[in-house]
Amino acid sequence: MSALERRKAGRRYVVRFAVAMASYVVLLFVGIAIARTLGDSPWRFAAMALPVPATVGVVWAVARYASEADELQSRDLTRALAIGFGGGSLLTFTYGIMQTVGAPPLNWMFVWVIYAGCWAIGSVIVRRRG
């Protein structure tokens, strides 16, 4: 794969990922606003599920990038995701242990934020190491 093709694959990934994440943020705020107006209605659960398709879009963007990228890009993506998974698992598991002895409960919504942050850190580590 040429350098131009690698850049194109990277650009497509960034666009797909950014659109999915922007959709997630918008749909999350819309879902929260709608759910608050619904009170105790069972429809509040449907309102809060509005951002779920956008998270599927994030997974799709990453999977497409893995299949379109060259071997080096795929390897780097896999390494970054492995670091992110390991770090996210370590942090969420550790906090879960702390909750058994009185740490305040943490909303499950933050799990994705923790894993995404660890993935971003993993991406930086992989790029620096080369």
N, C-alpha and C. Protein backbone atom coordinates (compact mmCIF):
# COMPACT_ATOMS: atom_id res chain seq x y z
N MET A 1 0.85 -1.18 0.00
CA MET A 1 0.00 0.00 0.00
C MET A 1 0.90 1.24 0.00
N SER A 2 0.59 2.17 -0.87
CA SER A 2 1.39 3.39 -0.97
C SER A 2 1.10 4.33 0.20
N ALA A 3 1.98 5.30 0.36
CA ALA A 3 1.79 6.29 1.42
C ALA A 3 0.50 7.06 1.21
N LEU A 4 0.16 7.34 -0.05
CA LEU A 4 -1.08 8.06 -0.35
C LEU A 4 -2.29 7.23 0.06
N GLU A 5 -2.27 5.95 -0.26
CA GLU A 5 -3.39 5.08 0.12
C GLU A 5 -3.52 4.98 1.64
N ARG A 6 -2.37 4.94 2.35
CA ARG A 6 -2.40 4.89 3.82
C ARG A 6 -3.04 6.15 4.37
N ARG A 7 -2.64 7.30 3.81
CA ARG A 7 -3.22 8.57 4.27
C ARG A 7 -4.71 8.62 4.00
N LYS A 8 -5.12 8.13 2.83
CA LYS A 8 -6.55 8.12 2.49
C LYS A 8 -7.33 7.23 3.46
N ALA A 9 -6.79 6.06 3.76
CA ALA A 9 -7.45 5.15 4.71
C ALA A 9 -7.55 5.82 6.07
N GLY A 10 -6.49 6.50 6.47
CA GLY A 10 -6.49 7.21 7.75
C GLY A 10 -7.50 8.34 7.78
N ARG A 11 -7.59 9.08 6.68
CA ARG A 11 -8.56 10.18 6.61
C ARG A 11 -9.99 9.67 6.65
N ARG A 12 -10.26 8.60 5.89
CA ARG A 12 -11.61 8.03 5.92
C ARG A 12 -11.98 7.60 7.33
N TYR A 13 -11.04 6.98 8.02
CA TYR A 13 -11.27 6.54 9.40
C TYR A 13 -11.58 7.73 10.30
N VAL A 14 -10.78 8.77 10.22
CA VAL A 14 -10.99 9.94 11.08
C VAL A 14 -12.37 10.55 10.82
N VAL A 15 -12.75 10.65 9.55
CA VAL A 15 -14.06 11.22 9.22
C VAL A 15 -15.18 10.34 9.78
N ARG A 16 -15.10 9.03 9.54
CA ARG A 16 -16.13 8.11 10.03
C ARG A 16 -16.22 8.16 11.56
N PHE A 17 -15.07 8.10 12.20
CA PHE A 17 -15.03 8.11 13.66
C PHE A 17 -15.58 9.42 14.20
N ALA A 18 -15.17 10.55 13.61
CA ALA A 18 -15.63 11.85 14.08
C ALA A 18 -17.14 12.02 13.90
N VAL A 19 -17.67 11.56 12.78
CA VAL A 19 -19.12 11.65 12.55
C VAL A 19 -19.86 10.79 13.59
N ALA A 20 -19.37 9.58 13.83
CA ALA A 20 -20.02 8.71 14.80
C ALA A 20 -19.96 9.31 16.20
N MET A 21 -18.81 9.86 16.59
CA MET A 21 -18.68 10.44 17.93
C MET A 21 -19.52 11.71 18.07
N ALA A 22 -19.54 12.54 17.04
CA ALA A 22 -20.37 13.75 17.09
C ALA A 22 -21.84 13.37 17.19
N SER A 23 -22.24 12.34 16.44
CA SER A 23 -23.62 11.85 16.52
C SER A 23 -23.92 11.35 17.93
N TYR A 24 -22.97 10.65 18.51
CA TYR A 24 -23.15 10.13 19.88
C TYR A 24 -23.40 11.28 20.85
N VAL A 25 -22.57 12.31 20.79
CA VAL A 25 -22.71 13.43 21.72
C VAL A 25 -24.07 14.11 21.55
N VAL A 26 -24.43 14.38 20.30
CA VAL A 26 -25.71 15.05 20.05
C VAL A 26 -26.87 14.17 20.53
N LEU A 27 -26.85 12.89 20.15
CA LEU A 27 -27.94 11.99 20.54
C LEU A 27 -27.99 11.76 22.05
N LEU A 28 -26.86 11.80 22.71
CA LEU A 28 -26.85 11.66 24.17
C LEU A 28 -27.56 12.83 24.82
N PHE A 29 -27.23 14.05 24.39
CA PHE A 29 -27.89 15.23 24.97
C PHE A 29 -29.38 15.25 24.63
N VAL A 30 -29.73 14.87 23.41
CA VAL A 30 -31.14 14.81 23.02
C VAL A 30 -31.86 13.76 23.87
N GLY A 31 -31.25 12.58 24.01
CA GLY A 31 -31.85 11.52 24.81
C GLY A 31 -32.07 11.94 26.25
N ILE A 32 -31.08 12.60 26.83
CA ILE A 32 -31.21 13.06 28.22
C ILE A 32 -32.34 14.08 28.34
N ALA A 33 -32.39 15.03 27.40
CA ALA A 33 -33.44 16.05 27.44
C ALA A 33 -34.82 15.42 27.32
N ILE A 34 -34.96 14.49 26.39
CA ILE A 34 -36.27 13.83 26.21
C ILE A 34 -36.62 13.01 27.44
N ALA A 35 -35.66 12.24 27.95
CA ALA A 35 -35.92 11.38 29.11
C ALA A 35 -36.35 12.20 30.32
N ARG A 36 -35.77 13.37 30.50
CA ARG A 36 -36.15 14.22 31.64
C ARG A 36 -37.59 14.70 31.53
N THR A 37 -38.05 14.93 30.31
CA THR A 37 -39.43 15.39 30.14
C THR A 37 -40.44 14.25 30.32
N LEU A 38 -39.97 13.01 30.18
CA LEU A 38 -40.86 11.86 30.26
C LEU A 38 -41.12 11.39 31.68
N GLY A 39 -40.35 11.86 32.64
CA GLY A 39 -40.56 11.47 34.03
C GLY A 39 -40.37 9.97 34.21
N ASP A 40 -41.38 9.31 34.80
CA ASP A 40 -41.30 7.87 35.08
C ASP A 40 -41.84 7.00 33.95
N SER A 41 -42.12 7.58 32.83
CA SER A 41 -42.64 6.81 31.69
C SER A 41 -41.62 5.77 31.25
N PRO A 42 -42.09 4.58 30.86
CA PRO A 42 -41.16 3.58 30.35
C PRO A 42 -40.45 4.03 29.07
N TRP A 43 -40.98 5.04 28.39
CA TRP A 43 -40.37 5.55 27.17
C TRP A 43 -39.03 6.25 27.43
N ARG A 44 -38.76 6.56 28.71
CA ARG A 44 -37.49 7.21 29.03
C ARG A 44 -36.31 6.30 28.67
N PHE A 45 -36.54 4.98 28.74
CA PHE A 45 -35.48 4.04 28.38
C PHE A 45 -35.19 4.10 26.88
N ALA A 46 -36.24 4.23 26.08
CA ALA A 46 -36.05 4.36 24.64
C ALA A 46 -35.33 5.66 24.31
N ALA A 47 -35.67 6.71 25.03
CA ALA A 47 -35.00 8.00 24.80
C ALA A 47 -33.52 7.89 25.12
N MET A 48 -33.18 7.22 26.19
CA MET A 48 -31.77 7.09 26.57
C MET A 48 -31.00 6.12 25.67
N ALA A 49 -31.74 5.32 24.90
CA ALA A 49 -31.07 4.41 23.95
C ALA A 49 -30.77 5.09 22.62
N LEU A 50 -31.17 6.34 22.47
CA LEU A 50 -30.93 7.06 21.20
C LEU A 50 -29.46 7.07 20.78
N PRO A 51 -28.49 7.21 21.68
CA PRO A 51 -27.09 7.25 21.22
C PRO A 51 -26.49 5.88 20.87
N VAL A 52 -27.21 4.81 21.13
CA VAL A 52 -26.65 3.47 20.88
C VAL A 52 -26.27 3.27 19.41
N PRO A 53 -27.10 3.64 18.44
CA PRO A 53 -26.66 3.46 17.04
C PRO A 53 -25.36 4.19 16.72
N ALA A 54 -25.13 5.33 17.34
CA ALA A 54 -23.88 6.05 17.10
C ALA A 54 -22.69 5.26 17.65
N THR A 55 -22.87 4.57 18.76
CA THR A 55 -21.77 3.74 19.28
C THR A 55 -21.51 2.56 18.35
N VAL A 56 -22.54 2.06 17.72
CA VAL A 56 -22.36 1.03 16.70
C VAL A 56 -21.55 1.62 15.54
N GLY A 57 -21.80 2.88 15.22
CA GLY A 57 -21.04 3.56 14.18
C GLY A 57 -19.56 3.67 14.53
N VAL A 58 -19.25 3.88 15.79
CA VAL A 58 -17.85 3.93 16.23
C VAL A 58 -17.18 2.58 15.99
N VAL A 59 -17.87 1.52 16.40
CA VAL A 59 -17.33 0.17 16.20
C VAL A 59 -17.15 -0.10 14.71
N TRP A 60 -18.13 0.27 13.91
CA TRP A 60 -18.05 0.08 12.46
C TRP A 60 -16.86 0.85 11.87
N ALA A 61 -16.65 2.09 12.31
CA ALA A 61 -15.54 2.89 11.80
C ALA A 61 -14.20 2.23 12.10
N VAL A 62 -14.05 1.72 13.30
CA VAL A 62 -12.79 1.07 13.68
C VAL A 62 -12.61 -0.23 12.89
N ALA A 63 -13.67 -1.00 12.76
CA ALA A 63 -13.58 -2.26 12.01
C ALA A 63 -13.25 -2.00 10.54
N ARG A 64 -13.85 -0.99 9.95
CA ARG A 64 -13.55 -0.65 8.55
C ARG A 64 -12.10 -0.22 8.40
N TYR A 65 -11.62 0.58 9.33
CA TYR A 65 -10.24 1.02 9.27
C TYR A 65 -9.30 -0.18 9.36
N ALA A 66 -9.60 -1.10 10.24
CA ALA A 66 -8.75 -2.29 10.39
C ALA A 66 -8.70 -3.09 9.09
N SER A 67 -9.80 -3.12 8.35
CA SER A 67 -9.81 -3.88 7.11
C SER A 67 -9.23 -3.09 5.93
N GLU A 68 -9.30 -1.78 5.95
CA GLU A 68 -8.79 -0.95 4.85
C GLU A 68 -7.32 -0.58 5.02
N ALA A 69 -6.83 -0.62 6.23
CA ALA A 69 -5.48 -0.17 6.52
C ALA A 69 -4.44 -1.19 6.06
N ASP A 70 -3.21 -0.73 5.94
CA ASP A 70 -2.15 -1.68 5.62
C ASP A 70 -1.73 -2.42 6.89
N GLU A 71 -0.77 -3.31 6.76
CA GLU A 71 -0.37 -4.15 7.89
C GLU A 71 0.16 -3.34 9.06
N LEU A 72 0.93 -2.30 8.78
CA LEU A 72 1.49 -1.48 9.84
C LEU A 72 0.39 -0.73 10.58
N GLN A 73 -0.53 -0.13 9.84
CA GLN A 73 -1.63 0.61 10.47
C GLN A 73 -2.50 -0.35 11.29
N SER A 74 -2.79 -1.52 10.75
CA SER A 74 -3.60 -2.50 11.47
C SER A 74 -2.90 -2.96 12.74
N ARG A 75 -1.59 -3.18 12.64
CA ARG A 75 -0.83 -3.58 13.82
C ARG A 75 -0.87 -2.50 14.88
N ASP A 76 -0.67 -1.25 14.48
CA ASP A 76 -0.69 -0.14 15.43
C ASP A 76 -2.07 0.00 16.08
N LEU A 77 -3.12 -0.14 15.27
CA LEU A 77 -4.48 -0.07 15.81
C LEU A 77 -4.70 -1.18 16.83
N THR A 78 -4.29 -2.38 16.49
CA THR A 78 -4.47 -3.51 17.40
C THR A 78 -3.69 -3.30 18.69
N ARG A 79 -2.47 -2.82 18.59
CA ARG A 79 -1.67 -2.56 19.79
C ARG A 79 -2.30 -1.48 20.65
N ALA A 80 -2.78 -0.40 20.03
CA ALA A 80 -3.41 0.68 20.78
C ALA A 80 -4.68 0.18 21.48
N LEU A 81 -5.48 -0.61 20.77
CA LEU A 81 -6.69 -1.17 21.37
C LEU A 81 -6.35 -2.13 22.51
N ALA A 82 -5.28 -2.91 22.36
CA ALA A 82 -4.87 -3.83 23.41
C ALA A 82 -4.45 -3.06 24.67
N ILE A 83 -3.68 -1.99 24.47
CA ILE A 83 -3.28 -1.17 25.62
C ILE A 83 -4.52 -0.53 26.25
N GLY A 84 -5.42 -0.03 25.41
CA GLY A 84 -6.66 0.58 25.91
C GLY A 84 -7.52 -0.41 26.68
N PHE A 85 -7.64 -1.62 26.15
CA PHE A 85 -8.44 -2.64 26.83
C PHE A 85 -7.81 -3.01 28.17
N GLY A 86 -6.50 -3.20 28.16
CA GLY A 86 -5.81 -3.55 29.40
C GLY A 86 -5.92 -2.44 30.44
N GLY A 87 -5.65 -1.21 30.02
CA GLY A 87 -5.73 -0.09 30.94
C GLY A 87 -7.14 0.16 31.44
N GLY A 88 -8.11 0.11 30.53
CA GLY A 88 -9.51 0.31 30.93
C GLY A 88 -9.98 -0.77 31.88
N SER A 89 -9.58 -2.00 31.61
CA SER A 89 -9.96 -3.11 32.49
C SER A 89 -9.33 -2.94 33.86
N LEU A 90 -8.08 -2.56 33.89
CA LEU A 90 -7.38 -2.35 35.16
C LEU A 90 -8.07 -1.25 35.97
N LEU A 91 -8.38 -0.13 35.33
CA LEU A 91 -9.01 0.98 36.05
C LEU A 91 -10.42 0.65 36.52
N THR A 92 -11.25 0.08 35.65
CA THR A 92 -12.62 -0.21 36.05
C THR A 92 -12.68 -1.32 37.09
N PHE A 93 -11.84 -2.33 36.95
CA PHE A 93 -11.80 -3.41 37.94
C PHE A 93 -11.33 -2.88 39.29
N THR A 94 -10.28 -2.07 39.27
CA THR A 94 -9.76 -1.50 40.52
C THR A 94 -10.81 -0.65 41.21
N TYR A 95 -11.52 0.19 40.43
CA TYR A 95 -12.55 1.02 41.05
C TYR A 95 -13.69 0.15 41.58
N GLY A 96 -14.02 -0.93 40.86
CA GLY A 96 -15.05 -1.85 41.36
C GLY A 96 -14.68 -2.43 42.71
N ILE A 97 -13.41 -2.77 42.87
CA ILE A 97 -12.94 -3.28 44.16
C ILE A 97 -13.08 -2.20 45.23
N MET A 98 -12.72 -0.97 44.87
CA MET A 98 -12.82 0.13 45.83
C MET A 98 -14.27 0.38 46.24
N GLN A 99 -15.21 0.14 45.34
CA GLN A 99 -16.62 0.33 45.69
C GLN A 99 -17.07 -0.65 46.76
N THR A 100 -16.45 -1.82 46.82
CA THR A 100 -16.85 -2.79 47.85
C THR A 100 -16.49 -2.32 49.24
N VAL A 101 -15.58 -1.33 49.34
CA VAL A 101 -15.22 -0.81 50.67
C VAL A 101 -15.61 0.65 50.84
N GLY A 102 -16.56 1.11 50.01
CA GLY A 102 -17.14 2.42 50.27
C GLY A 102 -16.89 3.52 49.26
N ALA A 103 -16.14 3.26 48.19
CA ALA A 103 -15.98 4.30 47.17
C ALA A 103 -17.35 4.59 46.57
N PRO A 104 -17.60 5.85 46.23
CA PRO A 104 -18.93 6.18 45.70
C PRO A 104 -19.21 5.45 44.39
N PRO A 105 -20.47 5.10 44.16
CA PRO A 105 -20.82 4.42 42.90
C PRO A 105 -20.53 5.33 41.72
N LEU A 106 -20.11 4.71 40.64
CA LEU A 106 -19.81 5.44 39.41
C LEU A 106 -20.81 5.02 38.34
N ASN A 107 -21.37 6.00 37.66
CA ASN A 107 -22.32 5.73 36.59
C ASN A 107 -21.64 4.90 35.50
N TRP A 108 -22.33 3.88 35.02
CA TRP A 108 -21.78 2.98 33.99
C TRP A 108 -21.43 3.72 32.70
N MET A 109 -22.03 4.87 32.49
CA MET A 109 -21.73 5.64 31.29
C MET A 109 -20.24 6.01 31.22
N PHE A 110 -19.61 6.12 32.37
CA PHE A 110 -18.21 6.51 32.40
C PHE A 110 -17.27 5.39 31.97
N VAL A 111 -17.76 4.16 31.91
CA VAL A 111 -16.90 3.04 31.50
C VAL A 111 -16.38 3.29 30.08
N TRP A 112 -17.25 3.71 29.17
CA TRP A 112 -16.81 3.97 27.80
C TRP A 112 -15.77 5.10 27.78
N VAL A 113 -15.98 6.12 28.58
CA VAL A 113 -15.05 7.24 28.63
C VAL A 113 -13.67 6.76 29.10
N ILE A 114 -13.66 5.89 30.10
CA ILE A 114 -12.40 5.35 30.62
C ILE A 114 -11.70 4.52 29.55
N TYR A 115 -12.43 3.62 28.90
CA TYR A 115 -11.82 2.80 27.85
C TYR A 115 -11.35 3.65 26.68
N ALA A 116 -12.13 4.62 26.26
CA ALA A 116 -11.73 5.49 25.15
C ALA A 116 -10.49 6.29 25.52
N GLY A 117 -10.43 6.78 26.75
CA GLY A 117 -9.25 7.51 27.20
C GLY A 117 -8.01 6.63 27.20
N CYS A 118 -8.17 5.40 27.67
CA CYS A 118 -7.04 4.46 27.67
C CYS A 118 -6.63 4.11 26.25
N TRP A 119 -7.59 4.00 25.34
CA TRP A 119 -7.29 3.74 23.94
C TRP A 119 -6.50 4.90 23.34
N ALA A 120 -6.91 6.14 23.66
CA ALA A 120 -6.19 7.31 23.18
C ALA A 120 -4.76 7.31 23.71
N ILE A 121 -4.59 6.99 24.98
CA ILE A 121 -3.24 6.90 25.56
C ILE A 121 -2.45 5.80 24.86
N GLY A 122 -3.10 4.67 24.62
CA GLY A 122 -2.45 3.57 23.88
C GLY A 122 -2.01 4.00 22.50
N SER A 123 -2.81 4.81 21.82
CA SER A 123 -2.45 5.30 20.49
C SER A 123 -1.21 6.18 20.55
N VAL A 124 -1.14 7.02 21.57
CA VAL A 124 0.04 7.88 21.72
C VAL A 124 1.28 7.04 22.00
N ILE A 125 1.16 6.06 22.87
CA ILE A 125 2.29 5.18 23.18
C ILE A 125 2.77 4.44 21.94
N VAL A 126 1.84 3.91 21.17
CA VAL A 126 2.21 3.16 19.96
C VAL A 126 2.90 4.07 18.95
N ARG A 127 2.39 5.29 18.77
CA ARG A 127 3.01 6.21 17.81
C ARG A 127 4.40 6.62 18.24
N ARG A 128 4.61 6.80 19.53
CA ARG A 128 5.93 7.23 20.02
C ARG A 128 6.96 6.11 19.89
N ARG A 129 6.51 4.89 20.10
CA ARG A 129 7.44 3.76 20.03
C ARG A 129 7.74 3.36 18.59
N GLY A 130 6.78 3.63 17.70
CA GLY A 130 6.97 3.34 16.28
C GLY A 130 6.85 1.94 15.90
